[in-house]
Each structure stands twice: as C-alpha cells, then as structure tokens.
C-alpha cells in the first residue's frame, strides 16, 4: 500500500516523469487498439472476398485460412 501511494502519487514523483510514463502507457494502448482495428478490417475483407466464391471454394478458403493461422502460431 505504501509503495503504491508513493510510486504512483503525482505529488511525490517528478511531474514530467509521471506524465511521460502515462503518455507511454496511453501510446501503447492506442497502438494496440489500432492493431485490433486492422485485424478486424482484415477479417471483414476476408469475408467479403469469400462471399464472392461458390460453396466449394468457400470451404477450401476456410480450411486453408485456418491452416495459415495454425502455421503462424506454430500450432501442431
């Protein structure tokens, strides 16, 4: 409790340092949010592309995409 009160109390920490740490955390979160948005858009684009295929090719694309995801994450 005492550590947290001292470490994260803006009145006992250099204000510029405190703000820089806050900015880093917010920057990281913003970057991660952007990456999530990119991933969602990529999945949307994939769905749009797959809907243009016949049923047989949709199944093939689905299986191949799952295989690619497994390969990217080294799933065995």
PDB file of N, CA and C in Angstrom:
ATOM      1  N   UNK A   1       0.829  -1.182   0.000  1.00  0.00           N
ATOM      2  CA  UNK A   1       0.000   0.000   0.000  1.00  0.00           C
ATOM      3  C   UNK A   1       0.881   1.255   0.000  1.00  0.00           C
ATOM      4  N   UNK A   2       1.846   1.320   0.918  1.00  0.00           N
ATOM      5  CA  UNK A   2       2.717   2.489   0.991  1.00  0.00           C
ATOM      6  C   UNK A   2       3.484   2.685  -0.313  1.00  0.00           C
ATOM      7  N   UNK A   3       3.998   1.566  -0.867  1.00  0.00           N
ATOM      8  CA  UNK A   3       4.750   1.654  -2.122  1.00  0.00           C
ATOM      9  C   UNK A   3       3.893   2.271  -3.225  1.00  0.00           C
ATOM     10  N   UNK A   4       2.682   1.766  -3.383  1.00  0.00           N
ATOM     11  CA  UNK A   4       1.795   2.292  -4.422  1.00  0.00           C
ATOM     12  C   UNK A   4       1.478   3.762  -4.200  1.00  0.00           C
ATOM     13  N   UNK A   5       1.263   4.141  -2.935  1.00  0.00           N
ATOM     14  CA  UNK A   5       0.943   5.541  -2.645  1.00  0.00           C
ATOM     15  C   UNK A   5       2.110   6.448  -3.015  1.00  0.00           C
ATOM     16  N   UNK A   6       3.329   5.991  -2.770  1.00  0.00           N
ATOM     17  CA  UNK A   6       4.496   6.809  -3.086  1.00  0.00           C
ATOM     18  C   UNK A   6       4.855   6.749  -4.573  1.00  0.00           C
ATOM     19  N   UNK A   7       4.814   5.553  -5.132  1.00  0.00           N
ATOM     20  CA  UNK A   7       5.246   5.357  -6.515  1.00  0.00           C
ATOM     21  C   UNK A   7       4.303   6.010  -7.513  1.00  0.00           C
ATOM     22  N   UNK A   8       3.022   5.961  -7.244  1.00  0.00           N
ATOM     23  CA  UNK A   8       2.047   6.441  -8.212  1.00  0.00           C
ATOM     24  C   UNK A   8       1.350   7.726  -7.771  1.00  0.00           C
ATOM     25  N   UNK A   9       1.936   8.387  -6.812  1.00  0.00           N
ATOM     26  CA  UNK A   9       1.400   9.661  -6.340  1.00  0.00           C
ATOM     27  C   UNK A   9       2.089  10.776  -7.114  1.00  0.00           C
ATOM     28  N   UNK A  10       1.341  11.513  -7.915  1.00  0.00           N
ATOM     29  CA  UNK A  10       1.946  12.536  -8.771  1.00  0.00           C
ATOM     30  C   UNK A  10       2.582  13.666  -7.976  1.00  0.00           C
ATOM     31  N   UNK A  11       2.230  13.835  -6.711  1.00  0.00           N
ATOM     32  CA  UNK A  11       2.841  14.911  -5.919  1.00  0.00           C
ATOM     33  C   UNK A  11       4.216  14.532  -5.381  1.00  0.00           C
ATOM     34  N   UNK A  12       4.554  13.224  -5.361  1.00  0.00           N
ATOM     35  CA  UNK A  12       5.861  12.801  -4.860  1.00  0.00           C
ATOM     36  C   UNK A  12       6.797  12.348  -5.977  1.00  0.00           C
ATOM     37  N   UNK A  13       6.307  12.296  -7.181  1.00  0.00           N
ATOM     38  CA  UNK A  13       7.104  11.882  -8.332  1.00  0.00           C
ATOM     39  C   UNK A  13       7.314  13.092  -9.228  1.00  0.00           C
ATOM     40  N   UNK A  14       8.462  13.139  -9.883  1.00  0.00           N
ATOM     41  CA  UNK A  14       8.742  14.211 -10.836  1.00  0.00           C
ATOM     42  C   UNK A  14       7.580  14.281 -11.826  1.00  0.00           C
ATOM     43  N   UNK A  15       6.880  15.423 -11.917  1.00  0.00           N
ATOM     44  CA  UNK A  15       5.690  15.508 -12.781  1.00  0.00           C
ATOM     45  C   UNK A  15       5.971  15.198 -14.245  1.00  0.00           C
ATOM     46  N   UNK A  16       7.140  15.603 -14.745  1.00  0.00           N
ATOM     47  CA  UNK A  16       7.468  15.307 -16.144  1.00  0.00           C
ATOM     48  C   UNK A  16       7.640  13.799 -16.347  1.00  0.00           C
ATOM     49  N   UNK A  17       8.288  13.152 -15.383  1.00  0.00           N
ATOM     50  CA  UNK A  17       8.472  11.693 -15.475  1.00  0.00           C
ATOM     51  C   UNK A  17       7.113  10.998 -15.384  1.00  0.00           C
ATOM     52  N   UNK A  18       6.312  11.418 -14.446  1.00  0.00           N
ATOM     53  CA  UNK A  18       4.981  10.839 -14.254  1.00  0.00           C
ATOM     54  C   UNK A  18       4.174  10.963 -15.548  1.00  0.00           C
ATOM     55  N   UNK A  19       4.206  12.126 -16.172  1.00  0.00           N
ATOM     56  CA  UNK A  19       3.468  12.346 -17.417  1.00  0.00           C
ATOM     57  C   UNK A  19       4.038  11.507 -18.555  1.00  0.00           C
ATOM     58  N   UNK A  20       5.378  11.374 -18.607  1.00  0.00           N
ATOM     59  CA  UNK A  20       5.980  10.587 -19.685  1.00  0.00           C
ATOM     60  C   UNK A  20       5.596   9.116 -19.571  1.00  0.00           C
ATOM     61  N   UNK A  21       5.529   8.596 -18.347  1.00  0.00           N
ATOM     62  CA  UNK A  21       5.109   7.207 -18.147  1.00  0.00           C
ATOM     63  C   UNK A  21       3.647   7.051 -18.570  1.00  0.00           C
ATOM     64  N   UNK A  22       2.827   8.011 -18.181  1.00  0.00           N
ATOM     65  CA  UNK A  22       1.414   7.988 -18.560  1.00  0.00           C
ATOM     66  C   UNK A  22       1.263   8.022 -20.084  1.00  0.00           C
ATOM     67  N   UNK A  23       2.048   8.892 -20.734  1.00  0.00           N
ATOM     68  CA  UNK A  23       1.994   9.006 -22.193  1.00  0.00           C
ATOM     69  C   UNK A  23       2.425   7.709 -22.864  1.00  0.00           C
ATOM     70  N   UNK A  24       3.454   7.049 -22.309  1.00  0.00           N
ATOM     71  CA  UNK A  24       3.903   5.779 -22.881  1.00  0.00           C
ATOM     72  C   UNK A  24       2.801   4.733 -22.798  1.00  0.00           C
ATOM     73  N   UNK A  25       2.148   4.665 -21.652  1.00  0.00           N
ATOM     74  CA  UNK A  25       1.082   3.679 -21.462  1.00  0.00           C
ATOM     75  C   UNK A  25      -0.064   3.971 -22.422  1.00  0.00           C
ATOM     76  N   UNK A  26      -0.458   5.242 -22.513  1.00  0.00           N
ATOM     77  CA  UNK A  26      -1.551   5.611 -23.410  1.00  0.00           C
ATOM     78  C   UNK A  26      -1.171   5.368 -24.864  1.00  0.00           C
ATOM     79  N   UNK A  27       0.080   5.668 -25.221  1.00  0.00           N
ATOM     80  CA  UNK A  27       0.551   5.420 -26.584  1.00  0.00           C
ATOM     81  C   UNK A  27       0.515   3.941 -26.925  1.00  0.00           C
ATOM     82  N   UNK A  28       0.934   3.123 -25.970  1.00  0.00           N
ATOM     83  CA  UNK A  28       0.911   1.675 -26.168  1.00  0.00           C
ATOM     84  C   UNK A  28      -0.523   1.198 -26.387  1.00  0.00           C
ATOM     85  N   UNK A  29      -1.431   1.662 -25.530  1.00  0.00           N
ATOM     86  CA  UNK A  29      -2.827   1.255 -25.645  1.00  0.00           C
ATOM     87  C   UNK A  29      -3.423   1.699 -26.980  1.00  0.00           C
ATOM     88  N   UNK A  30      -3.119   2.920 -27.394  1.00  0.00           N
ATOM     89  CA  UNK A  30      -3.629   3.423 -28.669  1.00  0.00           C
ATOM     90  C   UNK A  30      -3.091   2.580 -29.822  1.00  0.00           C
ATOM     91  N   UNK A  31      -1.820   2.217 -29.750  1.00  0.00           N
ATOM     92  CA  UNK A  31      -1.219   1.388 -30.796  1.00  0.00           C
ATOM     93  C   UNK A  31      -1.879   0.010 -30.839  1.00  0.00           C
ATOM     94  N   UNK A  32      -2.110  -0.571 -29.673  1.00  0.00           N
ATOM     95  CA  UNK A  32      -2.760  -1.879 -29.629  1.00  0.00           C
ATOM     96  C   UNK A  32      -4.187  -1.796 -30.170  1.00  0.00           C
ATOM     97  N   UNK A  33      -4.898  -0.724 -29.830  1.00  0.00           N
ATOM     98  CA  UNK A  33      -6.258  -0.533 -30.355  1.00  0.00           C
ATOM     99  C   UNK A  33      -6.246  -0.426 -31.872  1.00  0.00           C
ATOM    100  N   UNK A  34      -5.245   0.258 -32.417  1.00  0.00           N
ATOM    101  CA  UNK A  34      -5.110   0.381 -33.866  1.00  0.00           C
ATOM    102  C   UNK A  34      -4.861  -0.989 -34.503  1.00  0.00           C
ATOM    103  N   UNK A  35      -4.018  -1.792 -33.886  1.00  0.00           N
ATOM    104  CA  UNK A  35      -3.742  -3.132 -34.412  1.00  0.00           C
ATOM    105  C   UNK A  35      -4.985  -4.011 -34.367  1.00  0.00           C
ATOM    106  N   UNK A  36      -5.786  -3.884 -33.315  1.00  0.00           N
ATOM    107  CA  UNK A  36      -7.053  -4.630 -33.239  1.00  0.00           C
ATOM    108  C   UNK A  36      -7.957  -4.219 -34.392  1.00  0.00           C
ATOM    109  N   UNK A  37      -8.066  -2.918 -34.627  1.00  0.00           N
ATOM    110  CA  UNK A  37      -8.912  -2.420 -35.715  1.00  0.00           C
ATOM    111  C   UNK A  37      -8.431  -2.951 -37.067  1.00  0.00           C
ATOM    112  N   UNK A  38      -7.121  -2.998 -37.270  1.00  0.00           N
ATOM    113  CA  UNK A  38      -6.576  -3.534 -38.524  1.00  0.00           C
ATOM    114  C   UNK A  38      -6.926  -5.010 -38.692  1.00  0.00           C
ATOM    115  N   UNK A  39      -6.837  -5.764 -37.598  1.00  0.00           N
ATOM    116  CA  UNK A  39      -7.156  -7.197 -37.658  1.00  0.00           C
ATOM    117  C   UNK A  39      -8.637  -7.406 -37.984  1.00  0.00           C
ATOM    118  N   UNK A  40      -9.505  -6.612 -37.372  1.00  0.00           N
ATOM    119  CA  UNK A  40     -10.940  -6.725 -37.642  1.00  0.00           C
ATOM    120  C   UNK A  40     -11.234  -6.394 -39.098  1.00  0.00           C
ATOM    121  N   UNK A  41     -10.582  -5.349 -39.622  1.00  0.00           N
ATOM    122  CA  UNK A  41     -10.785  -4.987 -41.027  1.00  0.00           C
ATOM    123  C   UNK A  41     -10.294  -6.098 -41.948  1.00  0.00           C
ATOM    124  N   UNK A  42      -9.176  -6.722 -41.604  1.00  0.00           N
ATOM    125  CA  UNK A  42      -8.654  -7.818 -42.423  1.00  0.00           C
ATOM    126  C   UNK A  42      -9.639  -8.989 -42.464  1.00  0.00           C
ATOM    127  N   UNK A  43     -10.251  -9.296 -41.319  1.00  0.00           N
ATOM    128  CA  UNK A  43     -11.241 -10.376 -41.288  1.00  0.00           C
ATOM    129  C   UNK A  43     -12.466  -9.986 -42.112  1.00  0.00           C
ATOM    130  N   UNK A  44     -12.880  -8.740 -42.007  1.00  0.00           N
ATOM    131  CA  UNK A  44     -14.012  -8.268 -42.818  1.00  0.00           C
ATOM    132  C   UNK A  44     -13.693  -8.415 -44.309  1.00  0.00           C
ATOM    133  N   UNK A  45     -12.503  -7.972 -44.700  1.00  0.00           N
ATOM    134  CA  UNK A  45     -12.091  -8.076 -46.110  1.00  0.00           C
ATOM    135  C   UNK A  45     -12.068  -9.529 -46.564  1.00  0.00           C
ATOM    136  N   UNK A  46     -11.611 -10.417 -45.679  1.00  0.00           N
ATOM    137  CA  UNK A  46     -11.606 -11.844 -45.990  1.00  0.00           C
ATOM    138  C   UNK A  46     -13.026 -12.338 -46.233  1.00  0.00           C
ATOM    139  N   UNK A  47     -13.948 -11.951 -45.360  1.00  0.00           N
ATOM    140  CA  UNK A  47     -15.349 -12.381 -45.511  1.00  0.00           C
ATOM    141  C   UNK A  47     -15.950 -11.862 -46.811  1.00  0.00           C
ATOM    142  N   UNK A  48     -15.656 -10.632 -47.165  1.00  0.00           N
ATOM    143  CA  UNK A  48     -16.152 -10.058 -48.419  1.00  0.00           C
ATOM    144  C   UNK A  48     -15.633 -10.883 -49.602  1.00  0.00           C
ATOM    145  N   UNK A  49     -14.336 -11.208 -49.559  1.00  0.00           N
ATOM    146  CA  UNK A  49     -13.737 -11.980 -50.655  1.00  0.00           C
ATOM    147  C   UNK A  49     -14.338 -13.376 -50.745  1.00  0.00           C
ATOM    148  N   UNK A  50     -14.515 -14.024 -49.603  1.00  0.00           N
ATOM    149  CA  UNK A  50     -15.023 -15.398 -49.599  1.00  0.00           C
ATOM    150  C   UNK A  50     -16.471 -15.457 -50.070  1.00  0.00           C
ATOM    151  N   UNK A  51     -17.257 -14.441 -49.776  1.00  0.00           N
ATOM    152  CA  UNK A  51     -18.672 -14.432 -50.200  1.00  0.00           C
ATOM    153  C   UNK A  51     -18.807 -14.409 -51.720  1.00  0.00           C
ATOM    154  N   UNK A  52     -17.748 -14.036 -52.416  1.00  0.00           N
ATOM    155  CA  UNK A  52     -17.784 -13.992 -53.883  1.00  0.00           C
ATOM    156  C   UNK A  52     -17.504 -15.367 -54.502  1.00  0.00           C
ATOM    157  N   UNK A  53     -17.197 -16.357 -53.652  1.00  0.00           N
ATOM    158  CA  UNK A  53     -16.844 -17.695 -54.136  1.00  0.00           C
ATOM    159  C   UNK A  53     -18.053 -18.620 -54.058  1.00  0.00           C
ATOM    160  N   UNK A  54     -17.975 -19.678 -54.855  1.00  0.00           N
ATOM    161  CA  UNK A  54     -19.002 -20.712 -54.708  1.00  0.00           C
ATOM    162  C   UNK A  54     -18.727 -21.492 -53.423  1.00  0.00           C
ATOM    163  N   UNK A  55     -19.706 -22.329 -53.041  1.00  0.00           N
ATOM    164  CA  UNK A  55     -19.631 -23.012 -51.748  1.00  0.00           C
ATOM    165  C   UNK A  55     -18.390 -23.888 -51.602  1.00  0.00           C
ATOM    166  N   UNK A  56     -18.031 -24.588 -52.656  1.00  0.00           N
ATOM    167  CA  UNK A  56     -16.852 -25.461 -52.602  1.00  0.00           C
ATOM    168  C   UNK A  56     -15.583 -24.655 -52.331  1.00  0.00           C
ATOM    169  N   UNK A  57     -15.438 -23.547 -53.021  1.00  0.00           N
ATOM    170  CA  UNK A  57     -14.244 -22.724 -52.831  1.00  0.00           C
ATOM    171  C   UNK A  57     -14.267 -21.981 -51.493  1.00  0.00           C
ATOM    172  N   UNK A  58     -15.458 -21.688 -50.988  1.00  0.00           N
ATOM    173  CA  UNK A  58     -15.547 -21.098 -49.650  1.00  0.00           C
ATOM    174  C   UNK A  58     -14.990 -22.065 -48.607  1.00  0.00           C
ATOM    175  N   UNK A  59     -15.378 -23.338 -48.716  1.00  0.00           N
ATOM    176  CA  UNK A  59     -14.856 -24.346 -47.780  1.00  0.00           C
ATOM    177  C   UNK A  59     -13.346 -24.462 -47.902  1.00  0.00           C
ATOM    178  N   UNK A  60     -12.852 -24.502 -49.127  1.00  0.00           N
ATOM    179  CA  UNK A  60     -11.408 -24.613 -49.356  1.00  0.00           C
ATOM    180  C   UNK A  60     -10.675 -23.410 -48.761  1.00  0.00           C
ATOM    181  N   UNK A  61     -11.201 -22.210 -48.986  1.00  0.00           N
ATOM    182  CA  UNK A  61     -10.577 -20.998 -48.447  1.00  0.00           C
ATOM    183  C   UNK A  61     -10.575 -21.022 -46.917  1.00  0.00           C
ATOM    184  N   UNK A  62     -11.689 -21.465 -46.337  1.00  0.00           N
ATOM    185  CA  UNK A  62     -11.791 -21.532 -44.883  1.00  0.00           C
ATOM    186  C   UNK A  62     -10.733 -22.466 -44.301  1.00  0.00           C
ATOM    187  N   UNK A  63     -10.614 -23.647 -44.885  1.00  0.00           N
ATOM    188  CA  UNK A  63      -9.636 -24.631 -44.398  1.00  0.00           C
ATOM    189  C   UNK A  63      -8.211 -24.114 -44.580  1.00  0.00           C
ATOM    190  N   UNK A  64      -7.928 -23.529 -45.727  1.00  0.00           N
ATOM    191  CA  UNK A  64      -6.586 -23.006 -45.969  1.00  0.00           C
ATOM    192  C   UNK A  64      -6.261 -21.826 -45.044  1.00  0.00           C
ATOM    193  N   UNK A  65      -7.250 -20.988 -44.774  1.00  0.00           N
ATOM    194  CA  UNK A  65      -7.028 -19.862 -43.849  1.00  0.00           C
ATOM    195  C   UNK A  65      -6.758 -20.359 -42.432  1.00  0.00           C
ATOM    196  N   UNK A  66      -7.514 -21.364 -42.000  1.00  0.00           N
ATOM    197  CA  UNK A  66      -7.248 -21.953 -40.686  1.00  0.00           C
ATOM    198  C   UNK A  66      -5.853 -22.562 -40.635  1.00  0.00           C
ATOM    199  N   UNK A  67      -5.456 -23.205 -41.728  1.00  0.00           N
ATOM    200  CA  UNK A  67      -4.102 -23.756 -41.797  1.00  0.00           C
ATOM    201  C   UNK A  67      -3.039 -22.680 -41.702  1.00  0.00           C
ATOM    202  N   UNK A  68      -3.286 -21.558 -42.334  1.00  0.00           N
ATOM    203  CA  UNK A  68      -2.332 -20.450 -42.275  1.00  0.00           C
ATOM    204  C   UNK A  68      -2.229 -19.884 -40.862  1.00  0.00           C
ATOM    205  N   UNK A  69      -3.372 -19.734 -40.199  1.00  0.00           N
ATOM    206  CA  UNK A  69      -3.364 -19.252 -38.811  1.00  0.00           C
ATOM    207  C   UNK A  69      -2.587 -20.229 -37.926  1.00  0.00           C
ATOM    208  N   UNK A  70      -2.834 -21.522 -38.093  1.00  0.00           N
ATOM    209  CA  UNK A  70      -2.125 -22.529 -37.310  1.00  0.00           C
ATOM    210  C   UNK A  70      -0.618 -22.439 -37.548  1.00  0.00           C
ATOM    211  N   UNK A  71      -0.235 -22.243 -38.809  1.00  0.00           N
ATOM    212  CA  UNK A  71       1.188 -22.140 -39.127  1.00  0.00           C
ATOM    213  C   UNK A  71       1.815 -20.900 -38.508  1.00  0.00           C
ATOM    214  N   UNK A  72       1.106 -19.783 -38.554  1.00  0.00           N
ATOM    215  CA  UNK A  72       1.616 -18.531 -37.980  1.00  0.00           C
ATOM    216  C   UNK A  72       1.872 -18.642 -36.486  1.00  0.00           C
ATOM    217  N   UNK A  73       1.026 -19.408 -35.798  1.00  0.00           N
ATOM    218  CA  UNK A  73       1.158 -19.551 -34.347  1.00  0.00           C
ATOM    219  C   UNK A  73       1.863 -20.850 -33.933  1.00  0.00           C
ATOM    220  N   UNK A  74       2.427 -21.543 -34.922  1.00  0.00           N
ATOM    221  CA  UNK A  74       3.154 -22.788 -34.660  1.00  0.00           C
ATOM    222  C   UNK A  74       2.312 -23.825 -33.937  1.00  0.00           C
ATOM    223  N   UNK A  75       1.024 -23.890 -34.293  1.00  0.00           N
ATOM    224  CA  UNK A  75       0.161 -24.913 -33.709  1.00  0.00           C
ATOM    225  C   UNK A  75       0.443 -26.222 -34.423  1.00  0.00           C
ATOM    226  N   UNK A  76       0.491 -27.286 -33.691  1.00  0.00           N
ATOM    227  CA  UNK A  76       0.818 -28.575 -34.282  1.00  0.00           C
ATOM    228  C   UNK A  76      -0.409 -29.444 -34.420  1.00  0.00           C
TER     229      UNK A  76
END
